[in-house]
């Protein structure tokens, strides 16, 4: 995980987080008013190592939200990696079991199917997570090994239509990866190229023009967590539960991966993509301000 939980408790300083989660689970099953309408469905998309686990834990602190891990009942039929979503009608049926106003899940490996998810779930609103490519690359290699970047690129080279990494990738994306790829390439170049390919999906699916999609910049979340989550809840159309949901967020991981050495050409490619995302995010900060702070 890109951050560390403090030893302090979560629920008004009276319960440990583990106890709070048990309380939340019991409360959602047995107590409290039941939501009668269709829930807001929130897929967290983007790329691994972009702070999506942090976002998961933040939403977990909201009593009125059901949160699914990347590997969950929603991906129970994936016998290989346990992370590909079940058929969407099955996912919808599972989600409808919860009489709650909002259900959050993070099918990162389905980011190439964002448009399909938005079509299948009329009440869905997507959070597209992104983070500086050098930090993502460094975290990727640290977590999964120095060869992981090259492994992530292999399906593009094979034109594999079924592997989630290359599924729905454009000819432009595959040609770009082939241009830069070498068996002995810099591991950070490979991991950064994979970041670029996943971010390319945001634009190729027209998500930059879709009002049901919000960019979620990791650096915003960890440096200004309360305002960022107020804005996120405003976008989702849900009451903000209070600043206690972000009280353990810190910025200690920002910039740690930027000592990595990328080749100038790959660095330039990824920097241009990051600048493009940042411009859109900055514009969205103006058009989607933080909410008015109404709590549950």
C-alpha atoms as a PDB file:
ATOM      1  CA  UNK A   1       0.000   0.000   0.000  1.00  0.00           C
ATOM      2  CA  UNK A   2       1.234   3.532  -0.782  1.00  0.00           C
ATOM      3  CA  UNK A   3       0.621   4.806   2.716  1.00  0.00           C
ATOM      4  CA  UNK A   4       0.707   3.631   6.296  1.00  0.00           C
ATOM      5  CA  UNK A   5      -2.202   3.472   8.684  1.00  0.00           C
ATOM      6  CA  UNK A   6      -1.585   5.022  12.061  1.00  0.00           C
ATOM      7  CA  UNK A   7      -2.205   3.010  15.193  1.00  0.00           C
ATOM      8  CA  UNK A   8      -5.033   5.395  16.088  1.00  0.00           C
ATOM      9  CA  UNK A   9      -8.587   4.205  15.668  1.00  0.00           C
ATOM     10  CA  UNK A  10     -10.949   5.274  12.923  1.00  0.00           C
ATOM     11  CA  UNK A  11     -14.439   5.736  14.324  1.00  0.00           C
ATOM     12  CA  UNK A  12     -14.334   8.902  16.437  1.00  0.00           C
ATOM     13  CA  UNK A  13     -11.245   7.600  18.253  1.00  0.00           C
ATOM     14  CA  UNK A  14     -13.263   4.916  20.046  1.00  0.00           C
ATOM     15  CA  UNK A  15     -12.884   1.823  17.865  1.00  0.00           C
ATOM     16  CA  UNK A  16      -9.956   0.227  16.115  1.00  0.00           C
ATOM     17  CA  UNK A  17     -10.302   0.163  12.359  1.00  0.00           C
ATOM     18  CA  UNK A  18     -10.717  -3.608  12.419  1.00  0.00           C
ATOM     19  CA  UNK A  19     -13.519  -3.335  14.948  1.00  0.00           C
ATOM     20  CA  UNK A  20     -15.022  -0.490  12.971  1.00  0.00           C
ATOM     21  CA  UNK A  21     -15.150  -2.663   9.848  1.00  0.00           C
ATOM     22  CA  UNK A  22     -16.910  -5.418  11.804  1.00  0.00           C
ATOM     23  CA  UNK A  23     -19.353  -2.871  13.174  1.00  0.00           C
ATOM     24  CA  UNK A  24     -19.928  -1.468   9.698  1.00  0.00           C
ATOM     25  CA  UNK A  25     -20.552  -4.913   8.224  1.00  0.00           C
ATOM     26  CA  UNK A  26     -23.040  -5.798  10.962  1.00  0.00           C
ATOM     27  CA  UNK A  27     -24.771  -2.438  10.668  1.00  0.00           C
ATOM     28  CA  UNK A  28     -25.156  -2.793   6.916  1.00  0.00           C
ATOM     29  CA  UNK A  29     -26.594  -6.295   7.269  1.00  0.00           C
ATOM     30  CA  UNK A  30     -28.855  -5.789  10.258  1.00  0.00           C
ATOM     31  CA  UNK A  31     -29.447  -2.204  11.168  1.00  0.00           C
ATOM     32  CA  UNK A  32     -30.159   1.238   9.879  1.00  0.00           C
ATOM     33  CA  UNK A  33     -32.536   2.498   7.244  1.00  0.00           C
ATOM     34  CA  UNK A  34     -32.457   0.664   3.938  1.00  0.00           C
ATOM     35  CA  UNK A  35     -31.833   2.613   0.754  1.00  0.00           C
ATOM     36  CA  UNK A  36     -34.736   1.988  -1.606  1.00  0.00           C
ATOM     37  CA  UNK A  37     -33.479   3.518  -4.855  1.00  0.00           C
ATOM     38  CA  UNK A  38     -30.758   2.436  -7.234  1.00  0.00           C
ATOM     39  CA  UNK A  39     -27.303   2.910  -5.708  1.00  0.00           C
ATOM     40  CA  UNK A  40     -24.602   5.062  -7.208  1.00  0.00           C
ATOM     41  CA  UNK A  41     -22.097   2.553  -8.581  1.00  0.00           C
ATOM     42  CA  UNK A  42     -18.493   3.742  -8.482  1.00  0.00           C
ATOM     43  CA  UNK A  43     -15.870   1.806 -10.454  1.00  0.00           C
ATOM     44  CA  UNK A  44     -12.342   2.983  -9.621  1.00  0.00           C
ATOM     45  CA  UNK A  45     -10.338   2.611 -12.825  1.00  0.00           C
ATOM     46  CA  UNK A  46      -6.871   3.555 -14.071  1.00  0.00           C
ATOM     47  CA  UNK A  47      -3.744   1.613 -13.214  1.00  0.00           C
ATOM     48  CA  UNK A  48      -2.359  -0.283 -10.254  1.00  0.00           C
ATOM     49  CA  UNK A  49       0.031   1.537  -7.866  1.00  0.00           C
ATOM     50  CA  UNK A  50      -1.865   4.819  -8.300  1.00  0.00           C
ATOM     51  CA  UNK A  51      -3.251   5.063  -4.795  1.00  0.00           C
ATOM     52  CA  UNK A  52      -6.386   3.070  -5.514  1.00  0.00           C
ATOM     53  CA  UNK A  53      -5.918   1.029  -2.335  1.00  0.00           C
ATOM     54  CA  UNK A  54      -5.776   4.277  -0.398  1.00  0.00           C
ATOM     55  CA  UNK A  55      -9.031   5.360  -2.027  1.00  0.00           C
ATOM     56  CA  UNK A  56     -10.507   1.982  -1.109  1.00  0.00           C
ATOM     57  CA  UNK A  57      -9.667   2.488   2.560  1.00  0.00           C
ATOM     58  CA  UNK A  58     -11.034   6.038   2.554  1.00  0.00           C
ATOM     59  CA  UNK A  59     -14.387   4.890   1.184  1.00  0.00           C
ATOM     60  CA  UNK A  60     -14.346   1.971   3.620  1.00  0.00           C
ATOM     61  CA  UNK A  61     -14.656   4.478   6.448  1.00  0.00           C
ATOM     62  CA  UNK A  62     -18.076   5.595   5.201  1.00  0.00           C
ATOM     63  CA  UNK A  63     -20.801   3.583   6.921  1.00  0.00           C
ATOM     64  CA  UNK A  64     -23.173   4.085   4.002  1.00  0.00           C
ATOM     65  CA  UNK A  65     -20.878   2.669   1.326  1.00  0.00           C
ATOM     66  CA  UNK A  66     -20.257  -0.943   0.361  1.00  0.00           C
ATOM     67  CA  UNK A  67     -16.687  -1.365  -0.871  1.00  0.00           C
ATOM     68  CA  UNK A  68     -15.375  -4.358  -2.808  1.00  0.00           C
ATOM     69  CA  UNK A  69     -11.709  -5.238  -3.031  1.00  0.00           C
ATOM     70  CA  UNK A  70     -10.127  -5.884  -6.411  1.00  0.00           C
ATOM     71  CA  UNK A  71     -10.486  -9.619  -5.773  1.00  0.00           C
ATOM     72  CA  UNK A  72     -13.986 -10.241  -4.432  1.00  0.00           C
ATOM     73  CA  UNK A  73     -17.336 -11.871  -5.061  1.00  0.00           C
ATOM     74  CA  UNK A  74     -17.543  -9.697  -8.166  1.00  0.00           C
ATOM     75  CA  UNK A  75     -14.587 -11.577  -9.690  1.00  0.00           C
ATOM     76  CA  UNK A  76     -15.260 -15.043  -8.291  1.00  0.00           C
ATOM     77  CA  UNK A  77     -15.353 -16.739 -11.702  1.00  0.00           C
ATOM     78  CA  UNK A  78     -11.813 -15.699 -12.677  1.00  0.00           C
ATOM     79  CA  UNK A  79      -9.882 -18.893 -12.009  1.00  0.00           C
ATOM     80  CA  UNK A  80      -6.505 -17.425 -13.022  1.00  0.00           C
ATOM     81  CA  UNK A  81      -5.894 -14.062 -11.344  1.00  0.00           C
ATOM     82  CA  UNK A  82      -9.211 -13.699  -9.455  1.00  0.00           C
ATOM     83  CA  UNK A  83      -9.550 -10.076 -10.570  1.00  0.00           C
ATOM     84  CA  UNK A  84     -11.448 -10.094 -13.895  1.00  0.00           C
ATOM     85  CA  UNK A  85     -15.076  -9.180 -13.369  1.00  0.00           C
ATOM     86  CA  UNK A  86     -17.788 -11.784 -13.620  1.00  0.00           C
ATOM     87  CA  UNK A  87     -20.311 -11.283 -16.456  1.00  0.00           C
ATOM     88  CA  UNK A  88     -21.858  -7.876 -15.905  1.00  0.00           C
ATOM     89  CA  UNK A  89     -25.425  -9.148 -15.289  1.00  0.00           C
ATOM     90  CA  UNK A  90     -23.989 -11.225 -12.430  1.00  0.00           C
ATOM     91  CA  UNK A  91     -22.118  -8.190 -11.092  1.00  0.00           C
ATOM     92  CA  UNK A  92     -25.323  -6.144 -11.240  1.00  0.00           C
ATOM     93  CA  UNK A  93     -27.250  -8.814  -9.347  1.00  0.00           C
ATOM     94  CA  UNK A  94     -24.594  -8.918  -6.618  1.00  0.00           C
ATOM     95  CA  UNK A  95     -24.576  -5.143  -6.252  1.00  0.00           C
ATOM     96  CA  UNK A  96     -28.377  -4.949  -6.031  1.00  0.00           C
ATOM     97  CA  UNK A  97     -28.273  -7.090  -2.892  1.00  0.00           C
ATOM     98  CA  UNK A  98     -27.006  -4.082  -0.974  1.00  0.00           C
ATOM     99  CA  UNK A  99     -29.663  -1.596   0.149  1.00  0.00           C
ATOM    100  CA  UNK A 100     -27.118   1.195   0.348  1.00  0.00           C
ATOM    101  CA  UNK A 101     -26.816   4.530  -1.465  1.00  0.00           C
ATOM    102  CA  UNK A 102     -23.372   3.800  -2.934  1.00  0.00           C
ATOM    103  CA  UNK A 103     -21.294   0.773  -3.950  1.00  0.00           C
ATOM    104  CA  UNK A 104     -17.590   1.197  -4.739  1.00  0.00           C
ATOM    105  CA  UNK A 105     -15.358  -1.352  -6.451  1.00  0.00           C
ATOM    106  CA  UNK A 106     -12.029  -1.163  -8.235  1.00  0.00           C
ATOM    107  CA  UNK A 107     -11.904  -3.320 -11.357  1.00  0.00           C
ATOM    108  CA  UNK A 108      -8.623  -1.813 -12.517  1.00  0.00           C
ATOM    109  CA  UNK A 109      -8.104  -4.648 -14.974  1.00  0.00           C
ATOM    110  CA  UNK A 110     -11.348  -3.629 -16.690  1.00  0.00           C
ATOM    111  CA  UNK A 111     -10.283  -0.031 -17.337  1.00  0.00           C
ATOM    112  CA  UNK A 112     -10.286  -0.782 -21.059  1.00  0.00           C
ATOM    113  CA  UNK A 113     -14.025  -1.524 -20.670  1.00  0.00           C
ATOM    114  CA  UNK A 114     -14.954   1.766 -19.016  1.00  0.00           C
ATOM    115  CA  UNK A 115     -17.474   2.691 -21.695  1.00  0.00           C
ATOM    116  CA  UNK A 116     -19.056  -0.755 -21.394  1.00  0.00           C
ATOM    117  CA  UNK A 117     -19.333  -0.407 -17.613  1.00  0.00           C
ATOM    118  CA  UNK A 118     -20.958   3.006 -17.919  1.00  0.00           C
ATOM    119  CA  UNK A 119     -23.459   1.590 -20.402  1.00  0.00           C
ATOM    120  CA  UNK A 120     -24.232  -1.486 -18.292  1.00  0.00           C
ATOM    121  CA  UNK A 121     -24.746   0.504 -15.085  1.00  0.00           C
ATOM    122  CA  UNK A 122     -26.860   3.630 -15.738  1.00  0.00           C
ATOM    123  CA  UNK A 123     -26.155   5.029 -12.254  1.00  0.00           C
ATOM    124  CA  UNK A 124     -22.396   4.467 -12.487  1.00  0.00           C
ATOM    125  CA  UNK A 125     -19.880   7.268 -12.081  1.00  0.00           C
ATOM    126  CA  UNK A 126     -16.235   6.447 -12.735  1.00  0.00           C
ATOM    127  CA  UNK A 127     -13.223   7.660 -10.771  1.00  0.00           C
ATOM    128  CA  UNK A 128     -10.149   7.439 -13.007  1.00  0.00           C
ATOM    129  CA  UNK A 129      -7.084   7.256 -10.759  1.00  0.00           C
ATOM    130  CA  UNK A 130      -3.728   8.516 -11.947  1.00  0.00           C
ATOM    131  CA  UNK A 131      -0.349   9.312 -10.437  1.00  0.00           C
ATOM    132  CA  UNK A 132       3.053  10.503 -11.658  1.00  0.00           C
ATOM    133  CA  UNK A 133       4.413   7.809 -13.969  1.00  0.00           C
ATOM    134  CA  UNK A 134       7.812   7.579 -12.279  1.00  0.00           C
ATOM    135  CA  UNK A 135       6.208   6.901  -8.906  1.00  0.00           C
ATOM    136  CA  UNK A 136       3.905   4.301 -10.452  1.00  0.00           C
ATOM    137  CA  UNK A 137       6.803   2.601 -12.247  1.00  0.00           C
ATOM    138  CA  UNK A 138       8.964   2.487  -9.127  1.00  0.00           C
ATOM    139  CA  UNK A 139       6.096   1.106  -7.031  1.00  0.00           C
ATOM    140  CA  UNK A 140       5.233  -1.445  -9.714  1.00  0.00           C
ATOM    141  CA  UNK A 141       8.762  -2.825  -9.900  1.00  0.00           C
ATOM    142  CA  UNK A 142       9.173  -2.826  -6.135  1.00  0.00           C
ATOM    143  CA  UNK A 143       5.926  -4.734  -5.629  1.00  0.00           C
ATOM    144  CA  UNK A 144       6.061  -7.177  -8.541  1.00  0.00           C
ATOM    145  CA  UNK A 145       9.722  -7.452  -9.543  1.00  0.00           C
ATOM    146  CA  UNK A 146      12.119  -5.824 -11.985  1.00  0.00           C
ATOM    147  CA  UNK A 147      10.765  -7.819 -14.934  1.00  0.00           C
ATOM    148  CA  UNK A 148       7.143  -6.874 -14.370  1.00  0.00           C
ATOM    149  CA  UNK A 149       7.150  -3.932 -16.751  1.00  0.00           C
ATOM    150  CA  UNK A 150       8.310  -6.164 -19.590  1.00  0.00           C
ATOM    151  CA  UNK A 151       5.755  -8.819 -18.618  1.00  0.00           C
ATOM    152  CA  UNK A 152       3.025  -6.188 -18.736  1.00  0.00           C
ATOM    153  CA  UNK A 153       4.074  -5.183 -22.256  1.00  0.00           C
ATOM    154  CA  UNK A 154       4.285  -8.729 -23.649  1.00  0.00           C
ATOM    155  CA  UNK A 155       0.538  -9.020 -24.464  1.00  0.00           C
ATOM    156  CA  UNK A 156       0.760  -5.886 -26.628  1.00  0.00           C
ATOM    157  CA  UNK A 157       3.612  -7.411 -28.613  1.00  0.00           C
ATOM    158  CA  UNK A 158       1.555 -10.573 -29.109  1.00  0.00           C
ATOM    159  CA  UNK A 159      -1.601  -8.658 -30.099  1.00  0.00           C
ATOM    160  CA  UNK A 160      -3.433 -10.626 -27.416  1.00  0.00           C
ATOM    161  CA  UNK A 161      -7.114  -9.580 -27.533  1.00  0.00           C
ATOM    162  CA  UNK A 162      -8.058 -11.346 -24.308  1.00  0.00           C
ATOM    163  CA  UNK A 163      -5.340 -10.351 -21.849  1.00  0.00           C
ATOM    164  CA  UNK A 164      -6.626  -7.396 -19.836  1.00  0.00           C
ATOM    165  CA  UNK A 165      -3.357  -5.522 -20.353  1.00  0.00           C
ATOM    166  CA  UNK A 166      -3.736  -5.333 -24.131  1.00  0.00           C
ATOM    167  CA  UNK A 167      -7.476  -5.824 -24.543  1.00  0.00           C
ATOM    168  CA  UNK A 168      -9.051  -3.065 -26.677  1.00  0.00           C
ATOM    169  CA  UNK A 169      -5.647  -1.444 -27.170  1.00  0.00           C
ATOM    170  CA  UNK A 170      -5.378   0.685 -30.294  1.00  0.00           C
ATOM    171  CA  UNK A 171      -3.037   0.119 -33.211  1.00  0.00           C
ATOM    172  CA  UNK A 172      -1.292   3.347 -32.195  1.00  0.00           C
ATOM    173  CA  UNK A 173      -0.673   2.064 -28.685  1.00  0.00           C
ATOM    174  CA  UNK A 174       0.697  -1.266 -29.890  1.00  0.00           C
ATOM    175  CA  UNK A 175       2.913   0.434 -32.478  1.00  0.00           C
ATOM    176  CA  UNK A 176       4.309   2.808 -29.852  1.00  0.00           C
ATOM    177  CA  UNK A 177       5.150  -0.058 -27.521  1.00  0.00           C
ATOM    178  CA  UNK A 178       6.820  -2.002 -30.325  1.00  0.00           C
ATOM    179  CA  UNK A 179       8.862   1.073 -31.204  1.00  0.00           C
ATOM    180  CA  UNK A 180      10.329   1.354 -27.721  1.00  0.00           C
ATOM    181  CA  UNK A 181      10.424  -2.273 -26.651  1.00  0.00           C
ATOM    182  CA  UNK A 182      13.613  -4.313 -26.346  1.00  0.00           C
ATOM    183  CA  UNK A 183      14.247  -7.477 -24.361  1.00  0.00           C
ATOM    184  CA  UNK A 184      16.993  -5.687 -22.440  1.00  0.00           C
ATOM    185  CA  UNK A 185      15.157  -2.385 -22.029  1.00  0.00           C
ATOM    186  CA  UNK A 186      15.371  -0.344 -18.859  1.00  0.00           C
ATOM    187  CA  UNK A 187      12.823  -1.798 -16.382  1.00  0.00           C
ATOM    188  CA  UNK A 188      11.614   1.714 -15.526  1.00  0.00           C
ATOM    189  CA  UNK A 189      11.064   2.447 -19.212  1.00  0.00           C
ATOM    190  CA  UNK A 190       8.945  -0.699 -19.522  1.00  0.00           C
ATOM    191  CA  UNK A 191       6.845   0.058 -16.448  1.00  0.00           C
ATOM    192  CA  UNK A 192       6.374   3.673 -17.525  1.00  0.00           C
ATOM    193  CA  UNK A 193       5.321   2.587 -21.009  1.00  0.00           C
ATOM    194  CA  UNK A 194       2.655   0.385 -19.447  1.00  0.00           C
ATOM    195  CA  UNK A 195       1.462   3.407 -17.439  1.00  0.00           C
ATOM    196  CA  UNK A 196       1.269   5.372 -20.696  1.00  0.00           C
ATOM    197  CA  UNK A 197      -0.744   2.609 -22.390  1.00  0.00           C
ATOM    198  CA  UNK A 198      -3.281   2.473 -19.560  1.00  0.00           C
ATOM    199  CA  UNK A 199      -3.648   6.257 -19.488  1.00  0.00           C
ATOM    200  CA  UNK A 200      -4.090   6.247 -23.259  1.00  0.00           C
ATOM    201  CA  UNK A 201      -7.319   4.313 -22.666  1.00  0.00           C
ATOM    202  CA  UNK A 202      -8.778   7.316 -20.865  1.00  0.00           C
ATOM    203  CA  UNK A 203      -8.659   9.356 -24.049  1.00  0.00           C
ATOM    204  CA  UNK A 204      -9.320   6.588 -26.557  1.00  0.00           C
ATOM    205  CA  UNK A 205     -12.611   5.797 -24.805  1.00  0.00           C
ATOM    206  CA  UNK A 206     -13.647   9.443 -24.791  1.00  0.00           C
ATOM    207  CA  UNK A 207     -13.693   9.570 -21.004  1.00  0.00           C
ATOM    208  CA  UNK A 208     -12.199  13.057 -21.062  1.00  0.00           C
ATOM    209  CA  UNK A 209     -15.505  14.260 -22.522  1.00  0.00           C
ATOM    210  CA  UNK A 210     -17.817  12.129 -20.378  1.00  0.00           C
ATOM    211  CA  UNK A 211     -19.500  13.988 -17.482  1.00  0.00           C
ATOM    212  CA  UNK A 212     -19.854  10.701 -15.599  1.00  0.00           C
ATOM    213  CA  UNK A 213     -16.077  10.360 -15.232  1.00  0.00           C
ATOM    214  CA  UNK A 214     -13.851  12.243 -12.778  1.00  0.00           C
ATOM    215  CA  UNK A 215     -10.062  12.240 -12.770  1.00  0.00           C
ATOM    216  CA  UNK A 216      -8.658  11.382  -9.351  1.00  0.00           C
ATOM    217  CA  UNK A 217      -5.072  12.577  -8.965  1.00  0.00           C
ATOM    218  CA  UNK A 218      -3.114  10.753  -6.263  1.00  0.00           C
ATOM    219  CA  UNK A 219      -1.071  13.803  -5.338  1.00  0.00           C
ATOM    220  CA  UNK A 220      -4.266  15.797  -4.703  1.00  0.00           C
ATOM    221  CA  UNK A 221      -5.662  13.090  -2.454  1.00  0.00           C
ATOM    222  CA  UNK A 222      -2.596  12.783  -0.234  1.00  0.00           C
ATOM    223  CA  UNK A 223      -1.732  16.490   0.015  1.00  0.00           C
ATOM    224  CA  UNK A 224      -5.269  17.829   0.406  1.00  0.00           C
ATOM    225  CA  UNK A 225      -7.371  14.812   1.365  1.00  0.00           C
ATOM    226  CA  UNK A 226     -10.413  16.477   2.927  1.00  0.00           C
ATOM    227  CA  UNK A 227     -10.994  18.914   0.081  1.00  0.00           C
ATOM    228  CA  UNK A 228     -10.338  16.207  -2.510  1.00  0.00           C
ATOM    229  CA  UNK A 229     -12.868  13.823  -0.987  1.00  0.00           C
ATOM    230  CA  UNK A 230     -15.432  16.602  -0.511  1.00  0.00           C
ATOM    231  CA  UNK A 231     -15.095  17.282  -4.225  1.00  0.00           C
ATOM    232  CA  UNK A 232     -15.334  13.566  -5.000  1.00  0.00           C
ATOM    233  CA  UNK A 233     -18.522  13.176  -2.980  1.00  0.00           C
ATOM    234  CA  UNK A 234     -19.965  16.272  -4.654  1.00  0.00           C
ATOM    235  CA  UNK A 235     -19.289  14.689  -8.052  1.00  0.00           C
ATOM    236  CA  UNK A 236     -20.927  11.455  -6.879  1.00  0.00           C
ATOM    237  CA  UNK A 237     -23.943  13.368  -5.592  1.00  0.00           C
ATOM    238  CA  UNK A 238     -23.596  11.944  -2.092  1.00  0.00           C
ATOM    239  CA  UNK A 239     -23.339  13.646   1.327  1.00  0.00           C
ATOM    240  CA  UNK A 240     -19.791  13.922   2.593  1.00  0.00           C
ATOM    241  CA  UNK A 241     -19.515  11.796   5.769  1.00  0.00           C
ATOM    242  CA  UNK A 242     -16.881  13.956   7.466  1.00  0.00           C
ATOM    243  CA  UNK A 243     -13.139  14.437   7.616  1.00  0.00           C
ATOM    244  CA  UNK A 244     -12.671  11.327   9.768  1.00  0.00           C
ATOM    245  CA  UNK A 245     -12.579   9.260   6.569  1.00  0.00           C
ATOM    246  CA  UNK A 246      -9.244  10.847   5.569  1.00  0.00           C
ATOM    247  CA  UNK A 247      -7.603  11.259   8.953  1.00  0.00           C
ATOM    248  CA  UNK A 248      -4.921   8.631   8.270  1.00  0.00           C
ATOM    249  CA  UNK A 249      -3.964   9.879   4.807  1.00  0.00           C
ATOM    250  CA  UNK A 250      -0.456  11.285   4.403  1.00  0.00           C
ATOM    251  CA  UNK A 251       1.847  12.341   1.586  1.00  0.00           C
ATOM    252  CA  UNK A 252       4.930  10.334   2.533  1.00  0.00           C
ATOM    253  CA  UNK A 253       5.077   8.428  -0.785  1.00  0.00           C
ATOM    254  CA  UNK A 254       4.867  11.415  -3.121  1.00  0.00           C
ATOM    255  CA  UNK A 255       7.952  11.714  -5.318  1.00  0.00           C
ATOM    256  CA  UNK A 256       9.779   8.697  -3.931  1.00  0.00           C
ATOM    257  CA  UNK A 257      10.032   7.070  -7.353  1.00  0.00           C
ATOM    258  CA  UNK A 258      11.335  10.092  -9.189  1.00  0.00           C
ATOM    259  CA  UNK A 259      14.962   9.176  -8.747  1.00  0.00           C
ATOM    260  CA  UNK A 260      14.472   6.506 -11.400  1.00  0.00           C
ATOM    261  CA  UNK A 261      16.261   6.990 -14.694  1.00  0.00           C
ATOM    262  CA  UNK A 262      14.168   6.794 -17.828  1.00  0.00           C
ATOM    263  CA  UNK A 263      15.422   7.125 -21.355  1.00  0.00           C
ATOM    264  CA  UNK A 264      14.758  10.651 -22.667  1.00  0.00           C
ATOM    265  CA  UNK A 265      12.293   9.472 -25.325  1.00  0.00           C
ATOM    266  CA  UNK A 266      10.136   7.440 -22.922  1.00  0.00           C
ATOM    267  CA  UNK A 267      10.300  10.209 -20.344  1.00  0.00           C
ATOM    268  CA  UNK A 268       9.122  12.715 -22.960  1.00  0.00           C
ATOM    269  CA  UNK A 269       6.240  10.465 -24.050  1.00  0.00           C
ATOM    270  CA  UNK A 270       5.018   9.922 -20.500  1.00  0.00           C
ATOM    271  CA  UNK A 271       5.566  13.532 -19.449  1.00  0.00           C
ATOM    272  CA  UNK A 272       3.337  14.669 -22.311  1.00  0.00           C
ATOM    273  CA  UNK A 273       0.606  12.272 -21.187  1.00  0.00           C
ATOM    274  CA  UNK A 274       0.927  13.419 -17.570  1.00  0.00           C
ATOM    275  CA  UNK A 275       0.717  17.071 -18.624  1.00  0.00           C
ATOM    276  CA  UNK A 276      -2.412  16.310 -20.619  1.00  0.00           C
ATOM    277  CA  UNK A 277      -4.051  14.638 -17.621  1.00  0.00           C
ATOM    278  CA  UNK A 278      -2.966  17.410 -15.277  1.00  0.00           C
ATOM    279  CA  UNK A 279      -4.458  20.089 -17.529  1.00  0.00           C
ATOM    280  CA  UNK A 280      -7.814  18.327 -17.510  1.00  0.00           C
ATOM    281  CA  UNK A 281      -7.627  17.748 -13.780  1.00  0.00           C
ATOM    282  CA  UNK A 282      -6.855  21.412 -13.124  1.00  0.00           C
ATOM    283  CA  UNK A 283      -9.835  22.448 -15.245  1.00  0.00           C
ATOM    284  CA  UNK A 284     -12.075  19.978 -13.408  1.00  0.00           C
ATOM    285  CA  UNK A 285     -10.984  21.389 -10.049  1.00  0.00           C
ATOM    286  CA  UNK A 286     -12.628  24.639 -11.111  1.00  0.00           C
ATOM    287  CA  UNK A 287     -15.768  23.110 -12.624  1.00  0.00           C
ATOM    288  CA  UNK A 288     -16.313  20.526  -9.853  1.00  0.00           C
ATOM    289  CA  UNK A 289     -15.550  22.344  -6.594  1.00  0.00           C
ATOM    290  CA  UNK A 290     -15.709  20.751  -3.163  1.00  0.00           C
ATOM    291  CA  UNK A 291     -19.206  20.249  -1.810  1.00  0.00           C
ATOM    292  CA  UNK A 292     -20.904  22.233   0.876  1.00  0.00           C
ATOM    293  CA  UNK A 293     -19.846  19.901   3.646  1.00  0.00           C
ATOM    294  CA  UNK A 294     -23.224  18.405   4.580  1.00  0.00           C
ATOM    295  CA  UNK A 295     -22.589  15.275   6.607  1.00  0.00           C
ATOM    296  CA  UNK A 296     -24.635  12.120   6.952  1.00  0.00           C
END
